[in-house]
C-alpha atoms as a PDB file:
ATOM      1  CA  MET A   1      -0.073  -0.083   0.334  1.00  0.00           C
ATOM      2  CA  ARG A   2       1.054   3.556  -0.727  1.00  0.00           C
ATOM      3  CA  PHE A   3       1.581   5.613   2.031  1.00  0.00           C
ATOM      4  CA  LEU A   4      -1.172   8.837   1.365  1.00  0.00           C
ATOM      5  CA  LEU A   5       0.234  11.827   2.412  1.00  0.00           C
ATOM      6  CA  VAL A   6      -2.808  14.154   0.846  1.00  0.00           C
ATOM      7  CA  ASP A   7      -6.669  13.667   2.573  1.00  0.00           C
ATOM      8  CA  ARG A   8      -8.873  15.293   1.025  1.00  0.00           C
ATOM      9  CA  ILE A   9      -8.910  17.093  -2.030  1.00  0.00           C
ATOM     10  CA  LEU A  10     -10.756  20.389  -2.083  1.00  0.00           C
ATOM     11  CA  GLU A  11     -10.471  21.481  -5.427  1.00  0.00           C
ATOM     12  CA  LEU A  12      -9.843  19.821  -8.834  1.00  0.00           C
ATOM     13  CA  GLU A  13      -9.448  21.755 -12.388  1.00  0.00           C
ATOM     14  CA  THR A  14      -9.107  19.128 -14.604  1.00  0.00           C
ATOM     15  CA  GLY A  15      -5.343  18.503 -16.319  1.00  0.00           C
ATOM     16  CA  LYS A  16      -4.692  21.939 -14.627  1.00  0.00           C
ATOM     17  CA  ARG A  17      -4.387  22.033 -11.211  1.00  0.00           C
ATOM     18  CA  ALA A  18      -4.913  21.327  -7.583  1.00  0.00           C
ATOM     19  CA  VAL A  19      -5.547  22.033  -3.821  1.00  0.00           C
ATOM     20  CA  ALA A  20      -5.973  20.018  -0.917  1.00  0.00           C
ATOM     21  CA  ILE A  21      -5.271  19.328   2.573  1.00  0.00           C
ATOM     22  CA  LYS A  22      -2.680  17.393   4.777  1.00  0.00           C
ATOM     23  CA  ASN A  23      -3.640  17.142   8.306  1.00  0.00           C
ATOM     24  CA  VAL A  24      -0.201  16.036  10.262  1.00  0.00           C
ATOM     25  CA  THR A  25      -1.037  14.113  13.568  1.00  0.00           C
ATOM     26  CA  LEU A  26       1.285  12.359  16.101  1.00  0.00           C
ATOM     27  CA  SER A  27       0.557   9.772  15.236  1.00  0.00           C
ATOM     28  CA  GLU A  28       2.105   9.728  12.058  1.00  0.00           C
ATOM     29  CA  ASP A  29       4.440   6.825  11.926  1.00  0.00           C
ATOM     30  CA  PHE A  30       7.597   9.165  10.941  1.00  0.00           C
ATOM     31  CA  PHE A  31       7.443  11.181  14.095  1.00  0.00           C
ATOM     32  CA  ALA A  32       8.818   8.549  16.549  1.00  0.00           C
ATOM     33  CA  HIS A  33      12.040   9.656  14.914  1.00  0.00           C
ATOM     34  CA  HIS A  34      11.552  12.113  13.535  1.00  0.00           C
ATOM     35  CA  PHE A  35      12.575  13.855  16.546  1.00  0.00           C
ATOM     36  CA  PRO A  36      10.502  12.184  19.448  1.00  0.00           C
ATOM     37  CA  GLU A  37      11.337  15.576  21.689  1.00  0.00           C
ATOM     38  CA  ASP A  38      10.355  17.839  19.048  1.00  0.00           C
ATOM     39  CA  PRO A  39       8.374  16.336  16.215  1.00  0.00           C
ATOM     40  CA  ILE A  40       9.123  18.046  12.780  1.00  0.00           C
ATOM     41  CA  MET A  41       7.414  16.747   9.504  1.00  0.00           C
ATOM     42  CA  PRO A  42      10.642  15.731   7.023  1.00  0.00           C
ATOM     43  CA  GLY A  43      10.748  18.179   4.369  1.00  0.00           C
ATOM     44  CA  MET A  44      10.922  15.507   1.697  1.00  0.00           C
ATOM     45  CA  LEU A  45       7.128  14.481   3.414  1.00  0.00           C
ATOM     46  CA  ILE A  46       6.170  17.931   2.811  1.00  0.00           C
ATOM     47  CA  THR A  47       7.898  17.624  -1.102  1.00  0.00           C
ATOM     48  CA  GLU A  48       5.390  14.038  -1.497  1.00  0.00           C
ATOM     49  CA  SER A  49       2.452  15.510  -0.935  1.00  0.00           C
ATOM     50  CA  LEU A  50       2.624  17.769  -3.220  1.00  0.00           C
ATOM     51  CA  VAL A  51       3.664  15.346  -5.693  1.00  0.00           C
ATOM     52  CA  GLN A  52       1.212  13.060  -4.522  1.00  0.00           C
ATOM     53  CA  LEU A  53      -1.973  15.941  -5.762  1.00  0.00           C
ATOM     54  CA  ALA A  54       0.077  16.120  -8.903  1.00  0.00           C
ATOM     55  CA  ASP A  55       0.182  12.574  -9.213  1.00  0.00           C
ATOM     56  CA  TRP A  56      -3.992  12.684  -8.974  1.00  0.00           C
ATOM     57  CA  VAL A  57      -4.237  15.940 -11.277  1.00  0.00           C
ATOM     58  CA  ILE A  58      -2.699  13.516 -13.933  1.00  0.00           C
ATOM     59  CA  ARG A  59      -4.631  10.409 -12.999  1.00  0.00           C
ATOM     60  CA  GLU A  60      -7.884  12.251 -12.990  1.00  0.00           C
ATOM     61  CA  CYS A  61      -7.433  14.256 -16.620  1.00  0.00           C
ATOM     62  CA  SER A  62      -6.147  10.807 -18.352  1.00  0.00           C
ATOM     63  CA  GLU A  63      -8.644   9.226 -16.880  1.00  0.00           C
ATOM     64  CA  PHE A  64      -7.339   6.895 -14.397  1.00  0.00           C
ATOM     65  CA  ARG A  65      -4.820   5.602 -17.698  1.00  0.00           C
ATOM     66  CA  GLU A  66      -1.819   7.229 -16.080  1.00  0.00           C
ATOM     67  CA  MET A  67       0.011   8.440 -13.772  1.00  0.00           C
ATOM     68  CA  GLY A  68       3.239  10.801 -12.123  1.00  0.00           C
ATOM     69  CA  LEU A  69       6.482   9.546 -10.450  1.00  0.00           C
ATOM     70  CA  ALA A  70       9.046  12.515  -9.046  1.00  0.00           C
ATOM     71  CA  SER A  71      11.736  12.493 -11.777  1.00  0.00           C
ATOM     72  CA  SER A  72      13.262  15.535 -11.093  1.00  0.00           C
ATOM     73  CA  PHE A  73      13.041  18.721  -8.379  1.00  0.00           C
ATOM     74  CA  GLU A  74      14.342  22.622  -9.091  1.00  0.00           C
ATOM     75  CA  ARG A  75      13.887  25.409  -6.339  1.00  0.00           C
ATOM     76  CA  LEU A  76      12.861  23.618  -3.857  1.00  0.00           C
ATOM     77  CA  GLN A  77      12.872  25.465  -0.572  1.00  0.00           C
ATOM     78  CA  PHE A  78      11.675  24.877   3.046  1.00  0.00           C
ATOM     79  CA  ARG A  79      10.304  27.980   4.765  1.00  0.00           C
ATOM     80  CA  ARG A  80       9.554  27.373   8.293  1.00  0.00           C
ATOM     81  CA  PHE A  81       9.162  23.373  10.258  1.00  0.00           C
ATOM     82  CA  VAL A  82       5.428  21.714   9.943  1.00  0.00           C
ATOM     83  CA  ARG A  83       4.544  19.964  13.018  1.00  0.00           C
ATOM     84  CA  PRO A  84       1.542  17.847  14.573  1.00  0.00           C
ATOM     85  CA  GLY A  85      -1.484  19.566  14.661  1.00  0.00           C
ATOM     86  CA  ASP A  86      -0.998  22.253  12.200  1.00  0.00           C
ATOM     87  CA  GLN A  87      -2.540  21.503   8.550  1.00  0.00           C
ATOM     88  CA  LEU A  88      -1.662  21.789   5.309  1.00  0.00           C
ATOM     89  CA  HIS A  89      -3.000  23.460   2.518  1.00  0.00           C
ATOM     90  CA  LEU A  90      -1.270  22.117  -0.229  1.00  0.00           C
ATOM     91  CA  GLU A  91      -1.589  23.684  -3.997  1.00  0.00           C
ATOM     92  CA  VAL A  92      -0.125  22.565  -7.561  1.00  0.00           C
ATOM     93  CA  GLU A  93      -0.081  23.635 -10.981  1.00  0.00           C
ATOM     94  CA  ILE A  94       0.502  21.893 -14.580  1.00  0.00           C
ATOM     95  CA  VAL A  95       2.582  24.441 -16.291  1.00  0.00           C
ATOM     96  CA  ASN A  96       3.646  21.790 -18.549  1.00  0.00           C
ATOM     97  CA  ARG A  97       2.672  18.552 -19.927  1.00  0.00           C
ATOM     98  CA  THR A  98       3.718  16.510 -22.814  1.00  0.00           C
ATOM     99  CA  ALA A  99       2.901  12.599 -23.419  1.00  0.00           C
ATOM    100  CA  GLY A 100       5.712  11.330 -21.155  1.00  0.00           C
ATOM    101  CA  ARG A 101       6.418  14.283 -18.434  1.00  0.00           C
ATOM    102  CA  ALA A 102       4.568  16.667 -16.838  1.00  0.00           C
ATOM    103  CA  ALA A 103       6.070  20.121 -15.440  1.00  0.00           C
ATOM    104  CA  ILE A 104       5.032  21.308 -11.979  1.00  0.00           C
ATOM    105  CA  LYS A 105       4.795  24.128  -9.263  1.00  0.00           C
ATOM    106  CA  GLY A 106       4.177  23.174  -6.545  1.00  0.00           C
ATOM    107  CA  LYS A 107       3.509  25.795  -2.599  1.00  0.00           C
ATOM    108  CA  ALA A 108       2.435  23.889   0.248  1.00  0.00           C
ATOM    109  CA  SER A 109       1.453  26.415   3.161  1.00  0.00           C
ATOM    110  CA  CYS A 110       0.357  26.647   6.767  1.00  0.00           C
ATOM    111  CA  ASP A 111      -1.823  29.078   8.657  1.00  0.00           C
ATOM    112  CA  GLY A 112      -1.291  31.349   5.748  1.00  0.00           C
ATOM    113  CA  SER A 113       2.386  31.232   6.156  1.00  0.00           C
ATOM    114  CA  VAL A 114       4.326  29.165   3.171  1.00  0.00           C
ATOM    115  CA  VAL A 115       5.989  26.643   4.335  1.00  0.00           C
ATOM    116  CA  ALA A 116       7.646  24.774   0.656  1.00  0.00           C
ATOM    117  CA  VAL A 117       7.367  25.646  -2.309  1.00  0.00           C
ATOM    118  CA  GLY A 118       9.049  24.257  -5.407  1.00  0.00           C
ATOM    119  CA  ASP A 119       9.272  22.545  -9.758  1.00  0.00           C
ATOM    120  CA  PHE A 120       9.546  19.379  -9.684  1.00  0.00           C
ATOM    121  CA  ASN A 121       8.758  17.124 -12.765  1.00  0.00           C
ATOM    122  CA  LEU A 122       7.118  14.285 -12.866  1.00  0.00           C
ATOM    123  CA  ALA A 123       7.479  11.158 -15.748  1.00  0.00           C
ATOM    124  CA  VAL A 124       4.303   9.947 -16.634  1.00  0.00           C
ATOM    125  CA  HIS A 125       3.402   6.183 -17.628  1.00  0.00           C
ATOM    126  CA  PRO A 126       0.617   3.578 -17.742  1.00  0.00           C
ATOM    127  CA  ILE A 127      -0.980   2.873 -14.687  1.00  0.00           C
ATOM    128  CA  GLU A 128      -1.746  -0.305 -14.642  1.00  0.00           C
ATOM    129  CA  ALA A 129       1.532  -1.051 -14.066  1.00  0.00           C
ATOM    130  CA  TRP A 130       1.458  -0.138  -9.800  1.00  0.00           C
ATOM    131  CA  LEU A 131      -2.554  -0.603  -9.988  1.00  0.00           C
ATOM    132  CA  SER A 132      -5.711  -0.851 -11.595  1.00  0.00           C
ATOM    133  CA  ALA A 133      -7.457   1.718 -13.146  1.00  0.00           C
ATOM    134  CA  ASP A 134     -10.695   0.865 -10.927  1.00  0.00           C
ATOM    135  CA  ASP A 135      -8.562   0.953  -7.876  1.00  0.00           C
ATOM    136  CA  ALA A 136      -7.124   4.242  -8.891  1.00  0.00           C
ATOM    137  CA  ARG A 137     -10.578   5.414  -9.357  1.00  0.00           C
ATOM    138  CA  ARG A 138     -12.372   3.905  -5.499  1.00  0.00           C
ATOM    139  CA  LEU A 139      -9.127   6.146  -3.656  1.00  0.00           C
ATOM    140  CA  TYR A 140      -9.669   9.573  -5.645  1.00  0.00           C
ATOM    141  CA  ARG A 141     -13.111   8.961  -4.645  1.00  0.00           C
ATOM    142  CA  LEU A 142     -11.914   8.762  -1.225  1.00  0.00           C
ATOM    143  CA  ILE A 143      -9.810  11.982  -0.825  1.00  0.00           C
ATOM    144  CA  CYS A 144     -12.046  13.847  -3.866  1.00  0.00           C
ATOM    145  CA  PRO A 145     -15.342  13.826  -2.235  1.00  0.00           C
ATOM    146  CA  TYR A 146     -17.373  15.455  -5.067  1.00  0.00           C
ATOM    147  CA  ALA A 147     -15.612  13.138  -7.597  1.00  0.00           C
ATOM    148  CA  LYS A 148     -17.731  12.707 -10.917  1.00  0.00           C
ATOM    149  CA  GLU A 149     -19.468   9.649 -10.880  1.00  0.00           C
ATOM    150  CA  GLU A 150     -19.957   9.581 -14.207  1.00  0.00           C
ATOM    151  CA  ARG A 151     -16.003  10.029 -15.516  1.00  0.00           C
ATOM    152  CA  GLN A 152     -15.752   6.242 -14.114  1.00  0.00           C
END
C-alpha cells in the first residue's frame, strides 16, 4: 500500500491544478524518529505530499489510465517547520505537459504562511503497471468527495 500524504482534495481543475489538505498528526509513523522530543515533519514528506497531489491531477485528467512519478526537483525551498497539529494546505499547478512528462509548480502552507515551494517534474507512465484504473478511481473518490461518478 502506498503511503498517502493527501487527506482531502478540495479543488481540482482537470489537467491544470489542484488544492488539497494534509492533516499532520502525532500518530504519523515518521514522528517516532524525526524527532521524538521535538517532532518535525520531514521536508521530503512535505514534498511528497505535493508530488502525490500532482499525481492525482495526472490520474484524473487521463481517466485513471496514467500516473505521475517524481523525476526531478528544481528550486525547492523550505521556509518553516511543520509540526503535529498543523494542517498543510497544498497547491499544485501543471505548467507544461508532454506525452511522458509534466512540469509542476507546488506550494505548501500552514495558517497562511508558506512552508515549502518548488518546481518539479513527473514522469508520466501507464497506471496499470502499479494498480488497476478501478482501484485508482476508488481511492480517488475517498479523498475527493465531489469526484464525478460519470468519469468511471
